Amino acid sequence: MPLSDTLSNIYVFVWQKQILKQLQLNNEFFGRYKDQIFFTWNNGNEEELGSFLQTIRDKSANVQFQKLIASSVPFLNAFVQNQNGNLFSRIYRHPLIQG
């Protein structure tokens, strides 16, 4: 593994502790692969989520977010779907990538 990957993993690991603390209080789901994260947000409204993300941005200016709010989203090679509060997943293949 290149040194840059190792340093990136260390940075994200330290940074993710801020997120995990809040998400564990709300019994949310969290997943991470390298520098990609995924989490659910069910116990608050969109405004509270925005405030939560802004707090993280303020502490970590180098971290960038793409926020997706939907009952189903692609994450890496998985398609995650919320059906009545239960998470389901299946393999996801991006339509522009062949193989």
N, C-alpha and C. Protein backbone atom coordinates (compact mmCIF):
# COMPACT_ATOMS: atom_id res chain seq x y z
N MET A 1 0.86 -1.18 0.00
CA MET A 1 0.00 0.00 0.00
C MET A 1 0.90 1.24 0.00
N PRO A 2 0.64 2.17 -0.89
CA PRO A 2 1.44 3.40 -0.93
C PRO A 2 1.30 4.21 0.36
N LEU A 3 2.34 4.96 0.68
CA LEU A 3 2.33 5.78 1.88
C LEU A 3 1.16 6.76 1.89
N SER A 4 0.83 7.32 0.73
CA SER A 4 -0.28 8.28 0.67
C SER A 4 -1.61 7.63 1.08
N ASP A 5 -1.82 6.36 0.70
CA ASP A 5 -3.04 5.65 1.12
C ASP A 5 -3.05 5.44 2.63
N THR A 6 -1.90 5.07 3.18
CA THR A 6 -1.81 4.86 4.62
C THR A 6 -2.10 6.14 5.38
N LEU A 7 -1.49 7.24 4.96
CA LEU A 7 -1.73 8.52 5.63
C LEU A 7 -3.18 8.97 5.47
N SER A 8 -3.75 8.74 4.31
CA SER A 8 -5.16 9.08 4.09
C SER A 8 -6.06 8.28 5.02
N ASN A 9 -5.78 6.98 5.16
CA ASN A 9 -6.58 6.15 6.06
C ASN A 9 -6.47 6.61 7.50
N ILE A 10 -5.29 7.01 7.93
CA ILE A 10 -5.11 7.52 9.29
C ILE A 10 -5.92 8.80 9.49
N TYR A 11 -5.85 9.71 8.53
CA TYR A 11 -6.58 10.98 8.63
C TYR A 11 -8.09 10.73 8.70
N VAL A 12 -8.59 9.89 7.81
CA VAL A 12 -10.03 9.63 7.77
C VAL A 12 -10.46 8.88 9.03
N PHE A 13 -9.64 7.97 9.54
CA PHE A 13 -9.99 7.25 10.76
C PHE A 13 -10.16 8.21 11.93
N VAL A 14 -9.24 9.14 12.09
CA VAL A 14 -9.34 10.12 13.17
C VAL A 14 -10.56 11.00 12.96
N TRP A 15 -10.79 11.43 11.73
CA TRP A 15 -11.90 12.30 11.40
C TRP A 15 -13.25 11.61 11.60
N GLN A 16 -13.32 10.30 11.27
CA GLN A 16 -14.60 9.60 11.35
C GLN A 16 -15.08 9.42 12.79
N LYS A 17 -14.19 9.51 13.75
CA LYS A 17 -14.61 9.36 15.15
C LYS A 17 -15.63 10.42 15.53
N GLN A 18 -15.52 11.62 14.95
CA GLN A 18 -16.49 12.68 15.21
C GLN A 18 -17.87 12.26 14.72
N ILE A 19 -17.90 11.65 13.56
CA ILE A 19 -19.17 11.21 12.97
C ILE A 19 -19.75 10.05 13.77
N LEU A 20 -18.92 9.06 14.07
CA LEU A 20 -19.40 7.87 14.76
C LEU A 20 -20.02 8.19 16.11
N LYS A 21 -19.43 9.13 16.81
CA LYS A 21 -19.95 9.49 18.13
C LYS A 21 -21.42 9.90 18.03
N GLN A 22 -21.74 10.78 17.09
CA GLN A 22 -23.12 11.24 16.91
C GLN A 22 -24.02 10.14 16.37
N LEU A 23 -23.54 9.39 15.40
CA LEU A 23 -24.38 8.37 14.77
C LEU A 23 -24.70 7.22 15.71
N GLN A 24 -23.77 6.86 16.59
CA GLN A 24 -24.03 5.80 17.54
C GLN A 24 -25.09 6.20 18.54
N LEU A 25 -25.13 7.48 18.90
CA LEU A 25 -26.17 7.96 19.81
C LEU A 25 -27.55 7.79 19.19
N ASN A 26 -27.64 7.93 17.88
CA ASN A 26 -28.92 7.84 17.18
C ASN A 26 -29.18 6.47 16.56
N ASN A 27 -28.31 5.50 16.87
CA ASN A 27 -28.47 4.13 16.36
C ASN A 27 -28.54 4.10 14.83
N GLU A 28 -27.63 4.81 14.19
CA GLU A 28 -27.57 4.88 12.74
C GLU A 28 -26.54 3.89 12.20
N PHE A 29 -26.58 3.66 10.90
CA PHE A 29 -25.64 2.77 10.23
C PHE A 29 -24.51 3.60 9.63
N PHE A 30 -23.28 3.10 9.75
CA PHE A 30 -22.11 3.79 9.21
C PHE A 30 -21.22 2.77 8.52
N GLY A 31 -20.72 3.13 7.34
CA GLY A 31 -19.77 2.28 6.64
C GLY A 31 -18.70 3.14 5.98
N ARG A 32 -17.49 2.58 5.86
CA ARG A 32 -16.41 3.32 5.22
C ARG A 32 -15.53 2.35 4.46
N TYR A 33 -15.10 2.77 3.28
CA TYR A 33 -14.08 2.07 2.52
C TYR A 33 -13.10 3.13 2.03
N LYS A 34 -11.88 3.06 2.51
CA LYS A 34 -10.85 4.06 2.22
C LYS A 34 -11.38 5.46 2.54
N ASP A 35 -11.54 6.31 1.53
CA ASP A 35 -11.99 7.68 1.81
C ASP A 35 -13.46 7.90 1.46
N GLN A 36 -14.21 6.82 1.29
CA GLN A 36 -15.64 6.91 0.99
C GLN A 36 -16.43 6.51 2.23
N ILE A 37 -17.40 7.34 2.63
CA ILE A 37 -18.22 6.98 3.78
C ILE A 37 -19.69 6.95 3.38
N PHE A 38 -20.44 6.22 4.17
CA PHE A 38 -21.88 6.08 3.98
C PHE A 38 -22.50 6.03 5.36
N PHE A 39 -23.56 6.78 5.58
CA PHE A 39 -24.29 6.64 6.83
C PHE A 39 -25.75 6.99 6.63
N THR A 40 -26.56 6.44 7.53
CA THR A 40 -27.99 6.72 7.49
C THR A 40 -28.30 7.86 8.45
N TRP A 41 -29.41 8.53 8.21
CA TRP A 41 -29.84 9.65 9.06
C TRP A 41 -31.37 9.59 9.16
N ASN A 42 -31.85 8.99 10.24
CA ASN A 42 -33.29 8.79 10.39
C ASN A 42 -33.90 9.55 11.56
N ASN A 43 -33.09 9.99 12.50
CA ASN A 43 -33.63 10.57 13.73
C ASN A 43 -33.66 12.08 13.74
N GLY A 44 -33.57 12.69 12.61
CA GLY A 44 -33.61 14.14 12.56
C GLY A 44 -34.06 14.59 11.18
N ASN A 45 -34.32 15.87 11.08
CA ASN A 45 -34.76 16.38 9.78
C ASN A 45 -33.55 16.82 8.95
N GLU A 46 -33.81 17.29 7.74
CA GLU A 46 -32.73 17.67 6.83
C GLU A 46 -31.94 18.86 7.37
N GLU A 47 -32.60 19.74 8.09
CA GLU A 47 -31.90 20.90 8.68
C GLU A 47 -30.89 20.45 9.73
N GLU A 48 -31.27 19.47 10.57
CA GLU A 48 -30.34 18.94 11.57
C GLU A 48 -29.16 18.23 10.90
N LEU A 49 -29.43 17.53 9.82
CA LEU A 49 -28.35 16.89 9.06
C LEU A 49 -27.40 17.94 8.51
N GLY A 50 -27.94 19.01 7.95
CA GLY A 50 -27.10 20.09 7.43
C GLY A 50 -26.23 20.70 8.51
N SER A 51 -26.79 20.89 9.69
CA SER A 51 -26.04 21.44 10.82
C SER A 51 -24.93 20.48 11.24
N PHE A 52 -25.24 19.19 11.28
CA PHE A 52 -24.27 18.15 11.63
C PHE A 52 -23.11 18.15 10.64
N LEU A 53 -23.43 18.19 9.34
CA LEU A 53 -22.38 18.19 8.32
C LEU A 53 -21.56 19.47 8.35
N GLN A 54 -22.19 20.59 8.63
CA GLN A 54 -21.46 21.86 8.70
C GLN A 54 -20.46 21.85 9.86
N THR A 55 -20.86 21.26 10.99
CA THR A 55 -19.94 21.14 12.13
C THR A 55 -18.71 20.34 11.73
N ILE A 56 -18.91 19.27 10.99
CA ILE A 56 -17.79 18.45 10.54
C ILE A 56 -16.93 19.21 9.54
N ARG A 57 -17.56 19.92 8.62
CA ARG A 57 -16.81 20.72 7.63
C ARG A 57 -15.95 21.78 8.32
N ASP A 58 -16.51 22.41 9.36
CA ASP A 58 -15.77 23.45 10.08
C ASP A 58 -14.51 22.90 10.73
N LYS A 59 -14.55 21.65 11.19
CA LYS A 59 -13.40 21.03 11.84
C LYS A 59 -12.43 20.41 10.83
N SER A 60 -12.92 20.09 9.64
CA SER A 60 -12.11 19.38 8.65
C SER A 60 -12.30 20.02 7.28
N ALA A 61 -11.64 21.12 7.05
CA ALA A 61 -11.82 21.88 5.81
C ALA A 61 -11.39 21.09 4.57
N ASN A 62 -10.52 20.09 4.73
CA ASN A 62 -10.03 19.32 3.58
C ASN A 62 -10.99 18.22 3.14
N VAL A 63 -12.01 17.96 3.93
CA VAL A 63 -12.95 16.89 3.62
C VAL A 63 -14.09 17.44 2.78
N GLN A 64 -14.40 16.74 1.69
CA GLN A 64 -15.49 17.16 0.81
C GLN A 64 -16.62 16.14 0.90
N PHE A 65 -17.85 16.62 0.74
CA PHE A 65 -19.03 15.77 0.85
C PHE A 65 -19.84 15.80 -0.43
N GLN A 66 -20.50 14.70 -0.67
CA GLN A 66 -21.59 14.65 -1.65
C GLN A 66 -22.76 14.08 -0.87
N LYS A 67 -23.77 14.87 -0.67
CA LYS A 67 -24.93 14.46 0.14
C LYS A 67 -26.02 13.94 -0.79
N LEU A 68 -26.45 12.71 -0.54
CA LEU A 68 -27.56 12.12 -1.28
C LEU A 68 -28.66 11.80 -0.29
N ILE A 69 -29.85 12.31 -0.53
CA ILE A 69 -30.99 12.01 0.33
C ILE A 69 -32.02 11.29 -0.52
N ALA A 70 -32.20 10.02 -0.22
CA ALA A 70 -33.15 9.20 -0.97
C ALA A 70 -33.40 7.90 -0.20
N SER A 71 -34.39 7.17 -0.62
CA SER A 71 -34.65 5.87 0.02
C SER A 71 -33.74 4.79 -0.56
N SER A 72 -33.04 5.09 -1.66
CA SER A 72 -32.08 4.15 -2.22
C SER A 72 -30.94 4.93 -2.86
N VAL A 73 -29.71 4.45 -2.64
CA VAL A 73 -28.53 5.12 -3.17
C VAL A 73 -27.46 4.10 -3.55
N PRO A 74 -26.67 4.40 -4.58
CA PRO A 74 -25.51 3.55 -4.88
C PRO A 74 -24.35 3.97 -3.98
N PHE A 75 -23.60 2.99 -3.50
CA PHE A 75 -22.38 3.25 -2.72
C PHE A 75 -21.35 2.21 -3.12
N LEU A 76 -20.28 2.68 -3.75
CA LEU A 76 -19.25 1.81 -4.29
C LEU A 76 -19.90 0.79 -5.22
N ASN A 77 -19.78 -0.50 -4.95
CA ASN A 77 -20.38 -1.52 -5.81
C ASN A 77 -21.66 -2.10 -5.21
N ALA A 78 -22.29 -1.33 -4.34
CA ALA A 78 -23.54 -1.77 -3.71
C ALA A 78 -24.64 -0.76 -3.97
N PHE A 79 -25.84 -1.25 -4.00
CA PHE A 79 -27.03 -0.40 -4.09
C PHE A 79 -27.76 -0.62 -2.78
N VAL A 80 -27.89 0.42 -1.96
CA VAL A 80 -28.48 0.30 -0.63
C VAL A 80 -29.86 0.93 -0.66
N GLN A 81 -30.83 0.21 -0.11
CA GLN A 81 -32.22 0.67 -0.15
C GLN A 81 -32.85 0.56 1.23
N ASN A 82 -33.59 1.61 1.60
CA ASN A 82 -34.34 1.62 2.85
C ASN A 82 -35.78 1.27 2.53
N GLN A 83 -36.23 0.14 3.05
CA GLN A 83 -37.62 -0.28 2.87
C GLN A 83 -38.27 -0.37 4.24
N ASN A 84 -39.06 0.64 4.56
CA ASN A 84 -39.77 0.69 5.84
C ASN A 84 -38.84 0.54 7.04
N GLY A 85 -37.69 1.21 6.98
CA GLY A 85 -36.75 1.19 8.10
C GLY A 85 -35.76 0.05 8.08
N ASN A 86 -35.85 -0.85 7.13
CA ASN A 86 -34.90 -1.95 6.99
C ASN A 86 -34.00 -1.69 5.79
N LEU A 87 -32.69 -1.87 5.98
CA LEU A 87 -31.73 -1.67 4.89
C LEU A 87 -31.52 -2.96 4.12
N PHE A 88 -31.58 -2.85 2.81
CA PHE A 88 -31.32 -3.97 1.91
C PHE A 88 -30.23 -3.52 0.95
N SER A 89 -29.43 -4.48 0.50
CA SER A 89 -28.39 -4.14 -0.47
C SER A 89 -28.34 -5.20 -1.56
N ARG A 90 -27.81 -4.77 -2.69
CA ARG A 90 -27.57 -5.67 -3.80
C ARG A 90 -26.37 -5.13 -4.58
N ILE A 91 -25.83 -5.95 -5.44
CA ILE A 91 -24.69 -5.53 -6.25
C ILE A 91 -25.12 -4.41 -7.18
N TYR A 92 -24.25 -3.41 -7.29
CA TYR A 92 -24.53 -2.27 -8.17
C TYR A 92 -23.47 -2.21 -9.25
N ARG A 93 -23.90 -2.12 -10.47
CA ARG A 93 -22.98 -1.94 -11.60
C ARG A 93 -23.33 -0.62 -12.27
N HIS A 94 -22.36 0.26 -12.31
CA HIS A 94 -22.57 1.57 -12.93
C HIS A 94 -22.87 1.36 -14.41
N PRO A 95 -23.90 2.02 -14.94
CA PRO A 95 -24.30 1.79 -16.33
C PRO A 95 -23.23 2.17 -17.37
N LEU A 96 -22.30 3.04 -17.03
CA LEU A 96 -21.27 3.46 -17.98
C LEU A 96 -20.01 2.59 -17.92
N ILE A 97 -19.94 1.71 -16.94
CA ILE A 97 -18.76 0.85 -16.79
C ILE A 97 -19.13 -0.56 -17.24
N GLN A 98 -18.39 -1.07 -18.20
CA GLN A 98 -18.65 -2.42 -18.69
C GLN A 98 -17.71 -3.40 -18.03
N GLY A 99 -18.17 -4.62 -17.93
CA GLY A 99 -17.29 -5.63 -17.37
C GLY A 99 -18.00 -6.74 -16.71
